[in-house]
């Protein structure tokens, strides 16, 4: 392979370092440096700026020895793909499964995940969503502190392993979405700022320096991140991206970074001839995020719907602390089912201000609905899943409301069988001072929820990670198998019922009684009748029972009727 390229506009000298030999690079326009040096795939190298210590390539495609080691050349044409007939899958018909590679299987690798794909297919999953896999410090972590954004984590199996996983998914009819973090980079192994103005001191984020999306030099910074999206979608045949916490992407440009990203992905979709999607996490309750850019929005395909989650979680658990203070009534859940955002220009007690805007004319397919995800489980002090916080009967009610909702449903790994392992926050920072700071920060971060620091496991302790591993023997036991069968039946019903995959929110009808504690959701010919208290939810006249979690009308039950 020929050539190296580096963007470092303030440098007076740049070099490619292979072994102990430094090869000079030539200055090019717009702050780039280039070299025509011929190398083979697998060649390890670093860059040096102004004679400084050699460090990894900001656009490294492989870090075989981790974030501080040399980068390695990858020839993406070397992989023998078998998915030439794969054309992707639309979000409108999706059932998404979020997984963390390190804890999804005992192996904690891309290869290990392949062995469990048939479980997802049998369940009825259509899209596998991977938590971030870009190179991060140490052996274990959530991946949101990634620093080499173009390189799959070497401990998971590197570029080859990720390609094998995606190819295996496509062979089984599964689309693959990758979680990408563009609002910040982790501190450990983060050399990006030494090359150019990648970060801004005009803004800040809860996780560190804000990315420079709108200041001097930001054209090339934006290209770094949009190019990263194209890299994953093209070189790894991924079907979509989930972009983390876009409310922390601070950009006052006339064309917001998210719109530019959506336009670039749309252009790539047209060139590749397969369906590509962009999903974001946003707490803004701003419909512009998922409004087509032709209509003045950012053009993102869908966003996570935390209001729906909060309403469902608070109702089923009774938790009303922290941000759950804004939720807890049946009317909140009914509002979410019919309008996506509960807070759509109304006063939020938690924020002490009006929040959000009504998403007029947007379909439910623009929103993901879920009872659990990595954040809502892992950002609890003890990493409790819904299976730790509610009865199996209420787990079934929650699953029914997610999988019959007008939104794109998503499950979190192990949710389908009521997994008992927690999902805790874990790290493996080699820098002991950084590790200690992370542990201390974790202990002090839960005051709003009333959780004691002593209840928070140390993220740096390997046991915190080990406890989070899924136990794949559980689905073989009666209790867990029953929950698994329930989820499988609900997904099957969704697949065979056009009323359930219809995303038109104006067709969703809800009736409820706050005092009697019942809710009925009408989805065309189907009625989802949920009984939370002792008074049975009213059943439709001449309704035929399609699915029921236990005797219709029993406390903590759900029955689905067809009329």
Foldseek 3Di string as FASTA:
>chain_A
DFKDKAAFQVFPWKWKQFPNDTHTWDDDPPRMTMGGDDDDFFGWIFMDTNPDDTAEGLQAAAAQPALGGTGTHDDLVPDDFPLPVAFFDDLLLFAEEEEEQQFLAVLSALVRVLVCLVVCVLLPGAEYEYQAQATDPDQDFSNLQHANLNWGHNNRPIPVSLLVNQSSCSVSNHAYEYEGEDFDHHDFSHPPVVRYQQFDPVDADPHGTGGPCADPPNVVNLCVVLVSQVSCCPSSVHQEYEYEACVSNDYPDPQRSLLVSLVSVVVVCVVSNHHHAYEYEYPQQELLQCDCVVVVRSRHPAYEQVQLQLQLQCQQQVQCFQQNVQYHFPVSNVCCLQFVHSQAQDARPNVRGRGHHTNPPDFQQRYEHENDECCVQALDQQQDDVLVRHPPLLLLVRLLCQLQGLHSYYHYNPSQQSFPQGRYGADAHPPVVVLVVVQVCSLPPCVRRVDHSVSHDRRNDVVNVVSRRTDVCRCVDDSSVLSNVSSSLSSVCCNVDPLRSGGNSNQWDKDDDRVQAWIWIDRDQKIKTFAAHQAFGDDDPPWDWDDKPDPHRHHSIITMTGD
